[in-house]
Amino acid sequence: MQITTNFFEYELKCPCCGGLQYDLHFIKLLQIIRTVADVPFTITSGYRCRIHNDSLENSVKDSRHLVGAAVDIDTSLWSGELKWLVVYWAMRLGLSVGHYKGYLHIDKRDSKPVLFP
């Protein structure tokens, strides 16, 4: 099922069980960023069930992925300028961003936005 213009439920499902949960407001904010960036987002991780999250080496126990309020986006083919644009808009819209080799982690938190690591 289509959630927004560019995001579909299948992109966000847990890879181990097919479970799905997402924060619609968060997905709508991602859509704004996607529209501004004008580039497809390849989501490598969306919703995670507890079993899948706990099986990942560097996952955190209270990951926003567990409640459908986080995504990891493949940036391996993106320019530095494009990454900066996405980070800028995510932070401007109140989202937190983690910048890692080959991907960006974007999430919605109850606290102020954070840029990490």
N, C-alpha and C. Protein backbone atom coordinates (compact mmCIF):
# COMPACT_ATOMS: atom_id res chain seq x y z
N MET A 1 0.83 -1.18 0.00
CA MET A 1 0.00 0.00 0.00
C MET A 1 0.88 1.26 0.00
N GLN A 2 0.45 2.26 -0.72
CA GLN A 2 1.16 3.52 -0.80
C GLN A 2 0.82 4.38 0.41
N ILE A 3 1.87 4.92 1.06
CA ILE A 3 1.68 5.78 2.24
C ILE A 3 1.68 7.24 1.82
N THR A 4 2.71 7.63 1.06
CA THR A 4 2.82 8.99 0.51
C THR A 4 3.20 8.85 -0.95
N THR A 5 3.46 9.94 -1.60
CA THR A 5 3.80 9.92 -3.02
C THR A 5 4.95 8.96 -3.33
N ASN A 6 5.97 8.94 -2.49
CA ASN A 6 7.17 8.15 -2.78
C ASN A 6 7.47 7.03 -1.79
N PHE A 7 6.63 6.81 -0.80
CA PHE A 7 6.91 5.76 0.18
C PHE A 7 5.77 4.75 0.24
N PHE A 8 6.17 3.49 0.33
CA PHE A 8 5.23 2.38 0.34
C PHE A 8 5.48 1.50 1.56
N GLU A 9 4.43 0.84 2.01
CA GLU A 9 4.55 -0.01 3.20
C GLU A 9 5.64 -1.07 3.05
N TYR A 10 5.77 -1.69 1.87
CA TYR A 10 6.74 -2.77 1.71
C TYR A 10 8.17 -2.31 2.02
N GLU A 11 8.46 -1.03 1.84
CA GLU A 11 9.81 -0.51 2.10
C GLU A 11 10.12 -0.46 3.60
N LEU A 12 9.10 -0.43 4.42
CA LEU A 12 9.27 -0.21 5.85
C LEU A 12 9.11 -1.47 6.69
N LYS A 13 8.70 -2.57 6.09
CA LYS A 13 8.43 -3.81 6.84
C LYS A 13 9.69 -4.41 7.45
N CYS A 14 9.51 -5.05 8.60
CA CYS A 14 10.61 -5.76 9.24
C CYS A 14 11.04 -6.91 8.34
N PRO A 15 12.34 -7.03 8.06
CA PRO A 15 12.80 -8.08 7.14
C PRO A 15 12.69 -9.49 7.70
N CYS A 16 12.59 -9.63 9.02
CA CYS A 16 12.55 -11.00 9.56
C CYS A 16 11.14 -11.54 9.70
N CYS A 17 10.18 -10.69 9.97
CA CYS A 17 8.82 -11.20 10.22
C CYS A 17 7.75 -10.55 9.35
N GLY A 18 8.11 -9.48 8.63
CA GLY A 18 7.14 -8.79 7.80
C GLY A 18 6.22 -7.87 8.59
N GLY A 19 6.50 -7.72 9.89
CA GLY A 19 5.70 -6.82 10.72
C GLY A 19 5.84 -5.37 10.24
N LEU A 20 4.85 -4.58 10.54
CA LEU A 20 4.89 -3.18 10.10
C LEU A 20 4.23 -2.28 11.12
N GLN A 21 4.92 -1.22 11.42
CA GLN A 21 4.40 -0.14 12.25
C GLN A 21 5.11 1.10 11.75
N TYR A 22 4.38 2.19 11.61
CA TYR A 22 5.05 3.44 11.24
C TYR A 22 4.30 4.64 11.79
N ASP A 23 5.06 5.68 12.02
CA ASP A 23 4.55 6.95 12.50
C ASP A 23 4.24 7.77 11.24
N LEU A 24 2.96 7.98 10.96
CA LEU A 24 2.56 8.65 9.72
C LEU A 24 3.13 10.07 9.62
N HIS A 25 3.17 10.79 10.72
CA HIS A 25 3.74 12.14 10.70
C HIS A 25 5.22 12.09 10.29
N PHE A 26 5.95 11.12 10.83
CA PHE A 26 7.36 10.94 10.47
C PHE A 26 7.51 10.66 8.97
N ILE A 27 6.67 9.79 8.43
CA ILE A 27 6.75 9.45 6.99
C ILE A 27 6.41 10.68 6.15
N LYS A 28 5.46 11.48 6.59
CA LYS A 28 5.13 12.70 5.85
C LYS A 28 6.30 13.69 5.86
N LEU A 29 7.03 13.76 6.98
CA LEU A 29 8.22 14.61 7.02
C LEU A 29 9.31 14.07 6.08
N LEU A 30 9.48 12.74 6.05
CA LEU A 30 10.43 12.15 5.11
C LEU A 30 10.05 12.49 3.67
N GLN A 31 8.75 12.50 3.39
CA GLN A 31 8.29 12.83 2.04
C GLN A 31 8.69 14.26 1.67
N ILE A 32 8.57 15.18 2.60
CA ILE A 32 8.99 16.56 2.34
C ILE A 32 10.47 16.58 1.97
N ILE A 33 11.28 15.88 2.75
CA ILE A 33 12.73 15.85 2.49
C ILE A 33 13.00 15.22 1.13
N ARG A 34 12.32 14.12 0.83
CA ARG A 34 12.48 13.41 -0.44
C ARG A 34 12.11 14.33 -1.61
N THR A 35 11.05 15.10 -1.46
CA THR A 35 10.61 16.01 -2.51
C THR A 35 11.63 17.12 -2.73
N VAL A 36 12.13 17.70 -1.65
CA VAL A 36 13.13 18.77 -1.76
C VAL A 36 14.43 18.23 -2.37
N ALA A 37 14.87 17.06 -1.93
CA ALA A 37 16.12 16.48 -2.43
C ALA A 37 16.00 16.01 -3.87
N ASP A 38 14.79 15.66 -4.28
CA ASP A 38 14.52 15.21 -5.64
C ASP A 38 15.40 14.03 -6.06
N VAL A 39 15.52 13.07 -5.14
CA VAL A 39 16.29 11.86 -5.40
C VAL A 39 15.60 10.70 -4.67
N PRO A 40 15.56 9.53 -5.28
CA PRO A 40 14.94 8.39 -4.58
C PRO A 40 15.68 8.05 -3.30
N PHE A 41 14.93 7.63 -2.30
CA PHE A 41 15.50 7.16 -1.04
C PHE A 41 15.41 5.65 -1.04
N THR A 42 16.54 4.98 -0.92
CA THR A 42 16.55 3.53 -0.77
C THR A 42 16.62 3.24 0.72
N ILE A 43 15.51 2.79 1.27
CA ILE A 43 15.44 2.51 2.70
C ILE A 43 16.00 1.11 2.95
N THR A 44 17.06 1.06 3.75
CA THR A 44 17.69 -0.23 4.05
C THR A 44 17.18 -0.80 5.36
N SER A 45 16.56 0.04 6.19
CA SER A 45 15.97 -0.42 7.44
C SER A 45 14.86 0.54 7.84
N GLY A 46 13.67 0.00 8.05
CA GLY A 46 12.54 0.79 8.52
C GLY A 46 12.12 0.24 9.87
N TYR A 47 10.90 -0.27 9.93
CA TYR A 47 10.42 -0.86 11.18
C TYR A 47 11.21 -2.13 11.50
N ARG A 48 11.50 -2.32 12.78
CA ARG A 48 12.17 -3.54 13.25
C ARG A 48 11.38 -4.10 14.43
N CYS A 49 11.11 -5.40 14.37
CA CYS A 49 10.54 -6.04 15.56
C CYS A 49 11.67 -6.18 16.58
N ARG A 50 11.32 -6.45 17.82
CA ARG A 50 12.32 -6.57 18.88
C ARG A 50 13.36 -7.64 18.56
N ILE A 51 12.93 -8.78 18.04
CA ILE A 51 13.86 -9.88 17.73
C ILE A 51 14.89 -9.43 16.69
N HIS A 52 14.41 -8.78 15.64
CA HIS A 52 15.34 -8.33 14.59
C HIS A 52 16.28 -7.26 15.13
N ASN A 53 15.72 -6.29 15.85
CA ASN A 53 16.55 -5.21 16.40
C ASN A 53 17.65 -5.77 17.30
N ASP A 54 17.28 -6.70 18.17
CA ASP A 54 18.25 -7.27 19.11
C ASP A 54 19.30 -8.12 18.42
N SER A 55 19.00 -8.60 17.22
CA SER A 55 19.97 -9.44 16.50
C SER A 55 21.04 -8.62 15.78
N LEU A 56 20.84 -7.32 15.68
CA LEU A 56 21.78 -6.46 14.97
C LEU A 56 22.90 -6.01 15.90
N GLU A 57 24.11 -6.05 15.40
CA GLU A 57 25.30 -5.79 16.22
C GLU A 57 25.31 -4.44 16.91
N ASN A 58 25.00 -3.38 16.20
CA ASN A 58 25.13 -2.03 16.77
C ASN A 58 23.80 -1.37 17.09
N SER A 59 22.73 -2.15 17.18
CA SER A 59 21.43 -1.54 17.47
C SER A 59 21.34 -1.17 18.96
N VAL A 60 20.48 -0.22 19.24
CA VAL A 60 20.27 0.18 20.63
C VAL A 60 18.93 -0.37 21.11
N LYS A 61 18.82 -0.63 22.38
CA LYS A 61 17.63 -1.25 22.97
C LYS A 61 16.36 -0.42 22.78
N ASP A 62 16.51 0.91 22.80
CA ASP A 62 15.33 1.77 22.66
C ASP A 62 15.28 2.44 21.28
N SER A 63 15.71 1.71 20.27
CA SER A 63 15.75 2.22 18.90
C SER A 63 14.39 2.75 18.45
N ARG A 64 14.39 3.85 17.76
CA ARG A 64 13.17 4.42 17.20
C ARG A 64 12.62 3.54 16.08
N HIS A 65 13.46 2.64 15.54
CA HIS A 65 12.98 1.67 14.55
C HIS A 65 11.88 0.79 15.14
N LEU A 66 11.93 0.54 16.44
CA LEU A 66 10.97 -0.34 17.11
C LEU A 66 9.54 0.20 17.10
N VAL A 67 9.40 1.49 16.92
CA VAL A 67 8.08 2.11 16.90
C VAL A 67 7.76 2.74 15.54
N GLY A 68 8.56 2.41 14.54
CA GLY A 68 8.30 2.91 13.19
C GLY A 68 8.57 4.38 13.01
N ALA A 69 9.52 4.91 13.79
CA ALA A 69 9.84 6.34 13.71
C ALA A 69 11.31 6.54 13.34
N ALA A 70 11.87 5.62 12.54
CA ALA A 70 13.26 5.74 12.10
C ALA A 70 13.44 4.98 10.79
N VAL A 71 14.35 5.49 9.98
CA VAL A 71 14.76 4.79 8.76
C VAL A 71 16.26 4.95 8.58
N ASP A 72 16.85 3.99 7.91
CA ASP A 72 18.23 4.10 7.42
C ASP A 72 18.12 4.20 5.91
N ILE A 73 18.83 5.16 5.33
CA ILE A 73 18.76 5.42 3.90
C ILE A 73 20.14 5.25 3.30
N ASP A 74 20.23 4.43 2.25
CA ASP A 74 21.50 4.19 1.56
C ASP A 74 21.95 5.48 0.88
N THR A 75 23.16 5.92 1.19
CA THR A 75 23.71 7.13 0.59
C THR A 75 25.02 6.85 -0.14
N SER A 76 25.29 5.58 -0.38
CA SER A 76 26.59 5.20 -0.95
C SER A 76 26.86 5.83 -2.31
N LEU A 77 25.84 6.20 -3.04
CA LEU A 77 26.04 6.81 -4.36
C LEU A 77 25.73 8.31 -4.36
N TRP A 78 25.50 8.88 -3.20
CA TRP A 78 25.16 10.29 -3.11
C TRP A 78 26.40 11.16 -2.99
N SER A 79 26.30 12.37 -3.50
CA SER A 79 27.37 13.35 -3.32
C SER A 79 27.29 13.91 -1.90
N GLY A 80 28.39 14.52 -1.46
CA GLY A 80 28.40 15.17 -0.16
C GLY A 80 27.35 16.27 -0.08
N GLU A 81 27.16 16.98 -1.18
CA GLU A 81 26.19 18.06 -1.22
C GLU A 81 24.77 17.54 -1.02
N LEU A 82 24.45 16.42 -1.62
CA LEU A 82 23.12 15.83 -1.46
C LEU A 82 22.91 15.36 -0.02
N LYS A 83 23.92 14.74 0.56
CA LYS A 83 23.81 14.31 1.97
C LYS A 83 23.57 15.53 2.86
N TRP A 84 24.32 16.60 2.63
CA TRP A 84 24.16 17.81 3.42
C TRP A 84 22.74 18.35 3.29
N LEU A 85 22.19 18.36 2.08
CA LEU A 85 20.84 18.86 1.86
C LEU A 85 19.81 18.06 2.65
N VAL A 86 19.94 16.74 2.64
CA VAL A 86 19.01 15.89 3.38
C VAL A 86 19.16 16.10 4.88
N VAL A 87 20.39 16.17 5.37
CA VAL A 87 20.62 16.41 6.79
C VAL A 87 20.03 17.77 7.19
N TYR A 88 20.29 18.78 6.41
CA TYR A 88 19.78 20.12 6.69
C TYR A 88 18.26 20.12 6.83
N TRP A 89 17.55 19.53 5.86
CA TRP A 89 16.10 19.53 5.88
C TRP A 89 15.54 18.65 7.00
N ALA A 90 16.19 17.54 7.27
CA ALA A 90 15.74 16.68 8.37
C ALA A 90 15.81 17.46 9.69
N MET A 91 16.93 18.10 9.93
CA MET A 91 17.10 18.87 11.18
C MET A 91 16.12 20.05 11.22
N ARG A 92 15.94 20.70 10.10
CA ARG A 92 15.02 21.84 10.03
C ARG A 92 13.59 21.42 10.36
N LEU A 93 13.24 20.19 9.99
CA LEU A 93 11.90 19.67 10.26
C LEU A 93 11.79 19.01 11.64
N GLY A 94 12.86 19.09 12.43
CA GLY A 94 12.82 18.59 13.79
C GLY A 94 13.19 17.13 13.96
N LEU A 95 13.83 16.55 12.95
CA LEU A 95 14.24 15.15 13.02
C LEU A 95 15.71 15.04 13.42
N SER A 96 16.08 13.90 13.97
CA SER A 96 17.47 13.64 14.34
C SER A 96 18.13 12.84 13.24
N VAL A 97 19.44 13.02 13.09
CA VAL A 97 20.17 12.38 11.99
C VAL A 97 21.48 11.80 12.49
N GLY A 98 21.74 10.58 12.07
CA GLY A 98 23.03 9.95 12.28
C GLY A 98 23.70 9.78 10.94
N HIS A 99 24.94 10.22 10.83
CA HIS A 99 25.68 10.13 9.56
C HIS A 99 26.72 9.03 9.69
N TYR A 100 26.58 8.01 8.86
CA TYR A 100 27.49 6.86 8.89
C TYR A 100 28.01 6.59 7.49
N LYS A 101 29.03 5.77 7.41
CA LYS A 101 29.60 5.43 6.11
C LYS A 101 28.55 4.66 5.29
N GLY A 102 28.10 5.28 4.22
CA GLY A 102 27.17 4.63 3.30
C GLY A 102 25.70 4.79 3.60
N TYR A 103 25.37 5.40 4.75
CA TYR A 103 23.94 5.61 5.01
C TYR A 103 23.70 6.72 6.04
N LEU A 104 22.47 7.22 5.99
CA LEU A 104 21.99 8.16 6.99
C LEU A 104 20.90 7.48 7.80
N HIS A 105 20.93 7.68 9.10
CA HIS A 105 19.85 7.25 9.98
C HIS A 105 19.06 8.51 10.30
N ILE A 106 17.75 8.48 10.08
CA ILE A 106 16.89 9.62 10.38
C ILE A 106 15.78 9.13 11.29
N ASP A 107 15.54 9.86 12.38
CA ASP A 107 14.47 9.44 13.28
C ASP A 107 13.74 10.63 13.89
N LYS A 108 12.57 10.33 14.43
CA LYS A 108 11.74 11.32 15.13
C LYS A 108 11.76 10.96 16.61
N ARG A 109 12.16 11.93 17.43
CA ARG A 109 12.27 11.73 18.88
C ARG A 109 11.34 12.69 19.61
N ASP A 110 11.12 12.40 20.86
CA ASP A 110 10.33 13.30 21.69
C ASP A 110 11.16 14.50 22.14
N SER A 111 12.48 14.35 22.09
CA SER A 111 13.38 15.42 22.52
C SER A 111 13.78 16.30 21.33
N LYS A 112 14.64 17.26 21.60
CA LYS A 112 15.14 18.13 20.54
C LYS A 112 15.93 17.30 19.53
N PRO A 113 15.97 17.73 18.26
CA PRO A 113 16.73 17.02 17.25
C PRO A 113 18.22 16.93 17.60
N VAL A 114 18.84 15.84 17.19
CA VAL A 114 20.23 15.59 17.48
C VAL A 114 20.94 15.19 16.18
N LEU A 115 22.17 15.67 16.03
CA LEU A 115 23.03 15.23 14.91
C LEU A 115 24.12 14.38 15.55
N PHE A 116 24.25 13.15 15.11
CA PHE A 116 25.23 12.24 15.70
C PHE A 116 25.85 11.38 14.63
N PRO A 117 26.88 10.60 14.81
CA PRO A 117 27.63 10.39 16.02
C PRO A 117 28.47 11.58 16.37
